[in-house]
N, C-alpha and C. Protein backbone atom coordinates (compact mmCIF):
# COMPACT_ATOMS: atom_id res chain seq x y z
N MET A 1 21.56 51.34 -14.37
CA MET A 1 21.52 51.57 -16.05
C MET A 1 19.94 51.96 -16.16
N ALA A 2 19.63 53.16 -16.33
CA ALA A 2 18.33 53.19 -17.08
C ALA A 2 18.10 52.85 -18.37
N VAL A 3 16.69 52.58 -18.58
CA VAL A 3 16.04 52.10 -19.80
C VAL A 3 15.42 53.21 -20.31
N GLY A 4 15.31 53.44 -21.64
CA GLY A 4 14.17 54.07 -22.25
C GLY A 4 15.07 55.43 -23.00
N LYS A 5 16.14 55.62 -22.75
CA LYS A 5 16.86 56.48 -23.89
C LYS A 5 16.95 55.46 -25.39
N THR A 6 16.56 56.41 -26.13
CA THR A 6 16.40 55.64 -27.51
C THR A 6 17.82 55.90 -28.34
N ALA A 7 18.32 55.08 -28.56
CA ALA A 7 19.70 55.20 -29.01
C ALA A 7 19.70 55.57 -30.54
N CYS A 8 18.55 55.07 -31.13
CA CYS A 8 18.16 55.80 -32.43
C CYS A 8 16.90 55.14 -32.86
N SER A 9 16.01 55.62 -33.59
CA SER A 9 14.69 55.29 -34.19
C SER A 9 14.90 54.12 -35.30
N ARG A 10 13.78 53.51 -35.63
CA ARG A 10 13.81 52.65 -36.93
C ARG A 10 14.47 52.90 -37.81
N ARG A 11 13.94 54.03 -38.45
CA ARG A 11 14.36 54.94 -39.74
C ARG A 11 15.66 55.30 -39.78
N ASP A 12 16.05 55.82 -38.73
CA ASP A 12 17.49 56.47 -39.07
C ASP A 12 18.78 56.00 -38.26
N ALA A 13 18.78 54.42 -38.03
CA ALA A 13 19.82 53.94 -37.52
C ALA A 13 21.01 53.80 -38.29
N GLY A 14 21.68 54.60 -38.70
CA GLY A 14 22.96 54.96 -39.13
C GLY A 14 24.05 55.29 -38.62
N PRO A 15 25.35 55.29 -39.33
CA PRO A 15 26.86 55.61 -38.85
C PRO A 15 26.95 56.66 -38.16
N THR A 16 26.01 57.79 -37.93
CA THR A 16 26.44 59.21 -37.49
C THR A 16 25.51 59.30 -36.17
N ASN A 17 24.35 58.51 -35.97
CA ASN A 17 23.67 58.59 -34.91
C ASN A 17 23.35 57.56 -34.01
N MET A 18 24.24 56.15 -34.55
CA MET A 18 23.98 54.94 -34.00
C MET A 18 24.65 55.08 -32.36
N ASP A 19 24.19 54.73 -31.27
CA ASP A 19 25.06 54.66 -30.14
C ASP A 19 24.97 52.87 -29.63
N LEU A 20 25.92 52.23 -30.50
CA LEU A 20 26.27 51.20 -30.04
C LEU A 20 26.33 50.41 -28.82
N PRO A 21 27.08 51.39 -27.72
CA PRO A 21 27.08 50.75 -26.31
C PRO A 21 26.16 51.10 -25.70
N ALA A 22 25.28 51.88 -26.11
CA ALA A 22 23.61 51.95 -25.29
C ALA A 22 22.78 50.53 -25.91
N TYR A 23 23.08 50.10 -26.73
CA TYR A 23 22.34 48.74 -27.11
C TYR A 23 22.85 47.62 -26.29
N ILE A 24 24.19 47.68 -26.27
CA ILE A 24 25.24 46.68 -25.46
C ILE A 24 24.65 46.77 -24.04
N GLU A 25 24.59 47.94 -23.57
CA GLU A 25 24.72 48.21 -22.11
C GLU A 25 22.96 48.31 -21.46
N CYS A 26 22.29 48.16 -22.18
CA CYS A 26 20.69 48.20 -22.12
C CYS A 26 20.35 49.25 -21.62
N ARG A 27 20.52 50.33 -22.47
CA ARG A 27 20.30 51.61 -22.38
C ARG A 27 19.39 52.31 -23.35
N ALA A 28 18.78 51.08 -24.17
CA ALA A 28 17.92 51.76 -25.26
C ALA A 28 16.80 50.68 -25.01
N ASP A 29 15.30 51.25 -25.43
CA ASP A 29 14.48 50.44 -25.39
C ASP A 29 14.29 49.61 -26.26
N VAL A 30 13.56 48.51 -26.13
CA VAL A 30 13.05 47.29 -26.85
C VAL A 30 12.60 47.96 -28.36
N ALA A 31 11.95 49.02 -28.67
CA ALA A 31 11.62 49.27 -30.01
C ALA A 31 12.63 49.83 -30.74
N SER A 32 13.67 50.46 -30.28
CA SER A 32 14.81 50.97 -30.91
C SER A 32 15.76 49.91 -31.27
N TYR A 33 15.87 49.00 -30.21
CA TYR A 33 16.91 47.94 -30.66
C TYR A 33 16.17 47.34 -31.56
N ASN A 34 14.78 46.74 -31.51
CA ASN A 34 14.31 46.20 -32.95
C ASN A 34 14.68 46.61 -33.87
N GLY A 35 14.47 47.92 -33.97
CA GLY A 35 14.58 48.93 -35.42
C GLY A 35 15.96 48.32 -36.10
N PHE A 36 16.89 48.43 -34.99
CA PHE A 36 18.35 48.57 -35.29
C PHE A 36 18.61 47.11 -35.84
N VAL A 37 18.42 46.06 -35.20
CA VAL A 37 18.83 45.11 -35.48
C VAL A 37 18.22 44.16 -36.89
N LEU A 38 16.96 45.02 -36.74
CA LEU A 38 16.42 44.18 -38.15
C LEU A 38 17.00 44.91 -39.56
N ARG A 39 17.55 46.44 -39.09
CA ARG A 39 18.49 46.75 -40.39
C ARG A 39 19.60 45.74 -40.47
N VAL A 40 20.34 45.38 -39.34
CA VAL A 40 21.58 44.95 -39.41
C VAL A 40 21.10 43.34 -39.98
N ALA A 41 20.22 42.86 -39.62
CA ALA A 41 19.76 41.44 -40.17
C ALA A 41 19.12 41.22 -41.69
N GLY A 42 18.42 42.43 -41.70
CA GLY A 42 17.51 42.42 -43.08
C GLY A 42 18.11 43.05 -44.39
N GLU A 43 19.22 44.04 -43.80
CA GLU A 43 19.57 45.10 -45.08
C GLU A 43 21.01 44.48 -45.16
N PRO A 44 21.55 43.58 -46.53
CA PRO A 44 22.37 43.17 -46.74
C PRO A 44 23.94 44.22 -46.82
N ASP A 45 23.53 44.94 -46.71
CA ASP A 45 24.56 46.07 -46.94
C ASP A 45 24.96 47.28 -45.56
N PHE A 46 23.66 46.90 -44.72
CA PHE A 46 23.95 48.06 -43.54
C PHE A 46 25.22 47.94 -42.69
N ALA A 47 25.27 46.69 -42.29
CA ALA A 47 26.48 46.36 -41.64
C ALA A 47 27.62 46.63 -42.31
N ALA A 48 28.13 46.58 -43.43
CA ALA A 48 29.05 46.59 -44.44
C ALA A 48 29.27 48.37 -44.34
N GLY A 49 28.02 48.68 -44.41
CA GLY A 49 28.09 50.43 -44.69
C GLY A 49 28.54 51.13 -43.23
N LEU A 50 28.31 50.62 -42.08
CA LEU A 50 29.13 50.90 -41.01
C LEU A 50 30.46 50.66 -40.94
N GLY A 51 31.10 49.70 -41.66
CA GLY A 51 32.53 49.87 -41.42
C GLY A 51 32.89 48.31 -41.09
N TRP A 52 31.72 47.53 -40.59
CA TRP A 52 31.92 46.28 -39.70
C TRP A 52 31.81 45.23 -40.63
N LYS A 53 32.72 44.32 -40.38
CA LYS A 53 33.50 42.97 -41.18
C LYS A 53 33.20 41.79 -40.65
N ALA A 54 32.14 40.94 -41.06
CA ALA A 54 31.59 39.74 -40.37
C ALA A 54 33.09 39.10 -40.27
N VAL A 55 32.85 38.36 -38.96
CA VAL A 55 33.86 37.30 -38.40
C VAL A 55 33.50 35.89 -38.68
N ALA A 56 34.03 35.00 -39.07
CA ALA A 56 33.25 33.84 -39.30
C ALA A 56 33.48 33.04 -37.85
N GLY A 57 32.80 32.21 -37.64
CA GLY A 57 32.95 31.46 -36.58
C GLY A 57 32.23 30.15 -36.30
N GLU A 58 32.98 29.53 -35.20
CA GLU A 58 32.29 27.87 -35.41
C GLU A 58 30.79 27.94 -34.49
N ASN A 59 30.31 28.91 -34.06
CA ASN A 59 29.09 29.07 -33.27
C ASN A 59 28.30 29.39 -33.94
N PRO A 60 26.81 28.80 -34.45
CA PRO A 60 25.87 29.28 -35.26
C PRO A 60 25.00 30.26 -34.46
N PHE A 61 25.20 30.28 -33.00
CA PHE A 61 24.38 31.12 -32.52
C PHE A 61 24.88 32.70 -32.41
N LEU A 62 26.26 32.95 -32.92
CA LEU A 62 26.45 34.19 -32.67
C LEU A 62 27.17 34.57 -33.84
N GLN A 63 26.61 35.69 -34.22
CA GLN A 63 27.00 36.53 -35.40
C GLN A 63 27.90 37.53 -35.02
N GLN A 64 29.33 37.45 -35.35
CA GLN A 64 30.21 38.36 -34.75
C GLN A 64 30.78 39.36 -36.01
N TYR A 65 31.20 40.53 -35.27
CA TYR A 65 31.71 41.54 -36.71
C TYR A 65 32.71 42.18 -35.68
N ARG A 66 33.64 42.85 -36.70
CA ARG A 66 34.90 43.50 -36.34
C ARG A 66 34.58 44.79 -36.51
N LEU A 67 34.73 45.61 -35.83
CA LEU A 67 34.10 47.33 -35.66
C LEU A 67 35.52 48.23 -36.46
N PRO A 68 35.58 49.00 -37.21
CA PRO A 68 36.22 49.72 -37.92
C PRO A 68 36.97 50.48 -36.70
N ALA A 69 36.59 50.73 -35.64
CA ALA A 69 37.21 51.56 -34.42
C ALA A 69 36.64 51.04 -32.95
N PRO A 70 37.37 50.70 -31.98
CA PRO A 70 37.06 50.40 -31.20
C PRO A 70 35.78 50.93 -30.32
N ILE A 71 34.96 50.76 -29.57
CA ILE A 71 33.74 51.27 -28.76
C ILE A 71 34.18 50.86 -27.23
N GLU A 72 33.77 51.71 -26.22
CA GLU A 72 33.78 51.56 -25.19
C GLU A 72 32.35 51.16 -24.33
N ALA A 73 32.86 49.75 -23.74
CA ALA A 73 31.17 49.19 -23.16
C ALA A 73 31.83 48.69 -21.91
N PHE A 74 31.16 48.86 -20.79
CA PHE A 74 31.54 48.53 -19.36
C PHE A 74 32.55 48.82 -19.07
N GLY A 75 33.20 50.05 -19.43
CA GLY A 75 34.51 50.33 -19.03
C GLY A 75 35.38 49.78 -19.77
N HIS A 76 35.36 48.93 -20.62
CA HIS A 76 36.48 48.38 -21.54
C HIS A 76 36.26 48.58 -22.97
N SER A 77 37.39 48.36 -23.58
CA SER A 77 37.58 48.99 -24.75
C SER A 77 37.59 47.70 -25.84
N THR A 78 36.75 47.57 -26.82
CA THR A 78 36.87 46.11 -28.01
C THR A 78 36.58 46.72 -29.20
N ASP A 79 36.92 46.20 -30.23
CA ASP A 79 36.29 46.30 -31.60
C ASP A 79 36.07 45.29 -32.12
N LEU A 80 35.46 44.06 -31.16
CA LEU A 80 34.60 42.99 -31.55
C LEU A 80 33.52 42.97 -30.91
N ILE A 81 32.23 42.62 -31.79
CA ILE A 81 30.92 42.29 -31.10
C ILE A 81 30.49 41.15 -31.78
N ALA A 82 29.41 40.67 -30.73
CA ALA A 82 28.71 39.52 -31.44
C ALA A 82 27.27 39.65 -31.20
N PHE A 83 26.43 39.31 -31.78
CA PHE A 83 24.94 39.07 -31.73
C PHE A 83 24.41 37.96 -31.22
N THR A 84 23.35 37.78 -30.20
CA THR A 84 23.15 36.34 -30.14
C THR A 84 21.56 36.61 -30.67
N SER A 85 20.70 35.63 -30.55
CA SER A 85 19.20 35.56 -31.03
C SER A 85 18.64 36.89 -30.18
N THR A 86 18.73 37.31 -28.84
CA THR A 86 18.32 38.26 -28.36
C THR A 86 18.90 39.65 -27.99
N GLY A 87 20.30 39.80 -28.60
CA GLY A 87 20.89 40.78 -28.02
C GLY A 87 22.25 41.16 -28.67
N PRO A 88 23.01 42.45 -28.57
CA PRO A 88 24.29 42.53 -28.81
C PRO A 88 25.12 42.07 -27.48
N MET A 89 26.32 41.41 -27.74
CA MET A 89 27.50 41.48 -26.89
C MET A 89 28.56 41.92 -27.38
N ALA A 90 29.63 42.82 -26.41
CA ALA A 90 30.64 43.42 -26.50
C ALA A 90 31.68 41.95 -26.10
N VAL A 91 32.41 41.73 -27.10
CA VAL A 91 33.66 40.31 -26.80
C VAL A 91 34.51 41.27 -26.29
N LEU A 92 34.86 40.68 -24.93
CA LEU A 92 36.19 41.62 -24.22
C LEU A 92 37.33 40.71 -23.79
N GLU A 93 38.55 41.11 -23.90
CA GLU A 93 39.56 40.56 -23.63
C GLU A 93 40.37 40.70 -22.32
N GLY A 94 40.91 39.92 -21.76
CA GLY A 94 41.66 40.60 -20.52
C GLY A 94 41.00 40.97 -19.60
N VAL A 95 39.67 40.29 -19.23
CA VAL A 95 38.51 40.72 -18.39
C VAL A 95 37.92 39.32 -17.64
N VAL A 96 37.97 39.13 -15.92
CA VAL A 96 37.42 37.99 -15.54
C VAL A 96 36.07 38.28 -15.68
N ALA A 97 35.10 37.03 -16.05
CA ALA A 97 34.04 37.13 -16.02
C ALA A 97 32.81 37.43 -14.64
N PRO A 98 33.40 36.41 -13.45
CA PRO A 98 32.68 36.85 -12.05
C PRO A 98 33.06 38.31 -12.02
N GLU A 99 34.05 38.71 -12.04
CA GLU A 99 34.62 40.07 -11.54
C GLU A 99 33.46 41.11 -12.30
N LEU A 100 33.73 40.79 -13.75
CA LEU A 100 32.67 42.04 -14.51
C LEU A 100 31.50 42.07 -13.76
N ALA A 101 30.75 40.51 -13.74
CA ALA A 101 29.46 40.42 -13.06
C ALA A 101 29.32 41.03 -11.94
N GLY A 102 30.01 40.74 -11.12
CA GLY A 102 29.79 41.35 -9.66
C GLY A 102 30.15 42.84 -9.75
N ARG A 103 30.83 43.54 -10.76
CA ARG A 103 30.67 44.83 -10.60
C ARG A 103 29.59 45.29 -11.32
N LEU A 104 28.63 44.52 -12.29
CA LEU A 104 27.47 45.19 -12.76
C LEU A 104 26.31 44.66 -11.90
N GLY A 105 26.44 43.79 -10.77
CA GLY A 105 25.63 43.35 -9.86
C GLY A 105 24.72 42.15 -10.78
N ILE A 106 25.54 41.70 -11.33
CA ILE A 106 24.90 40.47 -12.14
C ILE A 106 24.96 39.17 -11.19
N VAL A 107 23.86 38.54 -10.98
CA VAL A 107 24.02 37.16 -10.48
C VAL A 107 24.47 35.95 -11.25
N PRO A 108 25.51 35.13 -10.93
CA PRO A 108 25.61 34.02 -11.63
C PRO A 108 24.83 33.11 -11.45
N VAL A 109 24.27 32.22 -12.65
CA VAL A 109 23.55 31.28 -12.68
C VAL A 109 24.45 29.95 -12.78
N VAL A 110 25.41 30.15 -13.66
CA VAL A 110 26.73 29.00 -13.57
C VAL A 110 27.86 29.71 -13.34
N SER A 111 28.76 29.05 -12.45
CA SER A 111 30.09 29.93 -12.31
C SER A 111 31.18 28.74 -12.07
N THR A 112 31.40 28.44 -13.07
CA THR A 112 32.95 27.04 -13.03
C THR A 112 33.91 27.66 -13.87
N PRO A 113 35.26 27.07 -13.35
CA PRO A 113 36.06 27.25 -14.50
C PRO A 113 36.21 27.12 -16.10
N GLU A 114 35.13 26.21 -16.16
CA GLU A 114 35.10 26.26 -17.77
C GLU A 114 33.83 27.13 -18.20
N LYS A 115 33.00 27.30 -17.43
CA LYS A 115 31.64 28.23 -17.80
C LYS A 115 31.23 29.28 -16.97
N PHE A 116 30.81 30.39 -17.20
CA PHE A 116 30.06 31.47 -16.64
C PHE A 116 29.05 32.18 -17.20
N LEU A 117 27.89 31.96 -16.90
CA LEU A 117 26.76 32.65 -16.79
C LEU A 117 26.09 33.19 -16.13
N GLY A 118 25.61 34.62 -16.38
CA GLY A 118 25.13 35.39 -15.06
C GLY A 118 24.19 36.35 -15.89
N GLU A 119 23.07 36.63 -15.33
CA GLU A 119 21.99 37.71 -15.66
C GLU A 119 21.54 38.52 -14.58
N LYS A 120 21.14 39.87 -15.30
CA LYS A 120 20.22 40.90 -13.97
C LYS A 120 19.13 41.41 -14.99
N VAL A 121 18.19 41.18 -14.46
CA VAL A 121 16.88 41.63 -15.33
C VAL A 121 17.07 43.35 -14.80
N ILE A 122 16.63 43.92 -16.09
CA ILE A 122 16.86 45.50 -15.98
C ILE A 122 15.32 46.28 -15.89
N HIS A 123 15.00 45.60 -16.58
CA HIS A 123 13.19 45.82 -17.20
C HIS A 123 12.24 45.25 -17.08
N GLU A 124 11.11 44.82 -16.70
CA GLU A 124 10.16 43.38 -17.24
C GLU A 124 8.70 44.24 -16.86
N ALA A 125 8.03 44.33 -18.14
CA ALA A 125 6.98 44.74 -17.83
C ALA A 125 5.80 43.88 -18.79
N SER A 126 4.47 44.05 -18.25
CA SER A 126 3.57 43.51 -19.57
C SER A 126 2.38 44.39 -19.55
N GLU A 127 1.82 44.38 -20.75
CA GLU A 127 0.87 45.36 -21.11
C GLU A 127 -0.24 44.43 -21.92
N ASP A 128 -1.66 44.81 -21.24
CA ASP A 128 -2.82 43.94 -21.87
C ASP A 128 -3.26 45.08 -23.00
N SER A 129 -3.38 44.58 -24.03
CA SER A 129 -4.13 45.51 -25.03
C SER A 129 -4.99 44.91 -26.17
N GLY A 130 -6.09 44.85 -26.22
CA GLY A 130 -7.15 44.20 -26.91
C GLY A 130 -7.30 42.51 -27.08
N GLY A 131 -7.15 42.33 -25.61
CA GLY A 131 -6.88 40.78 -25.66
C GLY A 131 -5.39 40.17 -26.01
N VAL A 132 -5.00 40.93 -25.95
CA VAL A 132 -3.30 40.40 -26.50
C VAL A 132 -2.24 40.87 -25.12
N THR A 133 -1.67 40.27 -24.75
CA THR A 133 -0.54 40.72 -23.56
C THR A 133 0.99 40.69 -24.18
N TYR A 134 1.58 41.80 -23.92
CA TYR A 134 2.69 42.28 -24.54
C TYR A 134 4.01 42.11 -23.42
N VAL A 135 4.80 41.39 -23.17
CA VAL A 135 5.79 41.33 -22.20
C VAL A 135 7.19 41.36 -22.72
N THR A 136 7.48 42.71 -21.90
CA THR A 136 9.06 43.12 -22.76
C THR A 136 9.86 42.92 -21.17
N ARG A 137 11.08 42.46 -21.70
CA ARG A 137 11.90 42.15 -20.85
C ARG A 137 13.51 42.47 -21.38
N ILE A 138 14.09 43.09 -20.40
CA ILE A 138 15.65 43.76 -20.70
C ILE A 138 16.62 43.16 -19.82
N SER A 139 17.46 42.33 -20.07
CA SER A 139 18.42 41.78 -19.09
C SER A 139 19.81 42.00 -19.49
N LEU A 140 20.52 42.42 -18.43
CA LEU A 140 22.27 42.62 -18.86
C LEU A 140 22.81 41.07 -18.32
N ASN A 141 23.85 40.69 -19.19
CA ASN A 141 24.08 39.29 -19.35
C ASN A 141 25.94 39.42 -19.31
N VAL A 142 26.37 38.41 -18.71
CA VAL A 142 27.94 38.22 -18.82
C VAL A 142 28.27 36.64 -18.98
N SER A 143 28.80 36.16 -19.89
CA SER A 143 29.23 35.13 -19.99
C SER A 143 30.44 34.43 -20.85
N THR A 144 30.63 33.51 -20.77
CA THR A 144 31.92 32.80 -21.33
C THR A 144 31.35 31.68 -22.54
N VAL A 145 32.02 31.80 -23.55
CA VAL A 145 31.34 30.45 -24.76
C VAL A 145 32.81 29.65 -25.02
N GLU A 146 32.81 28.76 -24.97
CA GLU A 146 33.62 27.59 -25.39
C GLU A 146 34.52 27.90 -26.93
N ASP A 147 33.80 28.59 -27.69
CA ASP A 147 34.07 28.84 -29.07
C ASP A 147 35.15 30.33 -29.07
N LEU A 148 35.05 31.11 -27.88
CA LEU A 148 35.89 32.26 -27.94
C LEU A 148 36.81 32.40 -26.32
N PRO A 149 37.55 31.40 -26.43
CA PRO A 149 38.79 30.84 -25.16
C PRO A 149 39.24 32.33 -24.87
N GLY A 150 38.95 32.50 -23.65
CA GLY A 150 39.93 33.62 -22.78
C GLY A 150 39.15 35.02 -23.26
N LYS A 151 37.70 34.99 -23.57
CA LYS A 151 36.92 36.13 -23.90
C LYS A 151 35.76 35.76 -23.06
N VAL A 152 35.13 37.02 -23.02
CA VAL A 152 34.00 37.52 -22.07
C VAL A 152 33.01 38.21 -22.67
N LEU A 153 31.73 37.91 -22.85
CA LEU A 153 30.79 38.47 -23.67
C LEU A 153 30.12 38.96 -22.64
N ALA A 154 29.76 40.15 -22.90
CA ALA A 154 28.87 41.47 -22.32
C ALA A 154 27.98 41.99 -22.67
N GLY A 155 26.50 41.99 -22.45
CA GLY A 155 25.72 42.51 -23.20
C GLY A 155 24.28 42.50 -22.67
N CYS A 156 23.59 42.87 -23.76
CA CYS A 156 22.26 42.55 -23.13
C CYS A 156 21.32 42.13 -24.46
N SER A 157 20.05 41.66 -23.76
CA SER A 157 19.16 40.92 -24.26
C SER A 157 17.73 41.29 -24.28
N TYR A 158 17.09 41.73 -25.41
CA TYR A 158 15.76 42.50 -25.44
C TYR A 158 15.06 41.62 -26.00
N ALA A 159 13.84 41.49 -25.21
CA ALA A 159 12.84 40.18 -25.47
C ALA A 159 11.55 40.92 -25.72
N LEU A 160 10.43 40.84 -26.46
CA LEU A 160 9.06 41.16 -26.70
C LEU A 160 8.34 40.15 -26.93
N ASP A 161 7.47 39.64 -26.06
CA ASP A 161 6.68 38.37 -26.09
C ASP A 161 5.47 38.61 -26.18
N VAL A 162 4.80 38.07 -27.26
CA VAL A 162 3.04 38.60 -27.40
C VAL A 162 2.48 37.01 -27.25
N LYS A 163 1.29 37.26 -26.22
CA LYS A 163 0.86 36.18 -25.92
C LYS A 163 -0.84 36.33 -25.92
């Protein structure tokens, strides 16, 4: 999966030009994703304007949304997504985490019957500018969480660190 396709710019992340699967599948750059997620988190009516319905959950680290229509991510259809602190995840049913991870080239960090967690770094770079170092890291992730039994989370983590 190539990085660099801009799913939408910061100002125009709207219902007609947003490519949600691009964000989930790590086909967007950090700036594009950050512009999009700032609108989701910072504009109270943005998600509702997209037709997304917030889904209550017990995990404070996941913000879940039911979409008005299913999307296709990693070859699977879903109408449920979740945002972690670093990126969007498709919430998939009928998927076996180790099998999906293997198909995507993701190496498991934890692989037990109770928990799966795997990551594949898609892009990592650092840039020095005026005594400040910017570290960009994009990784593809597959995991299971206790709060969503029988479901697999698959998506992207976008990180920009300033040092």
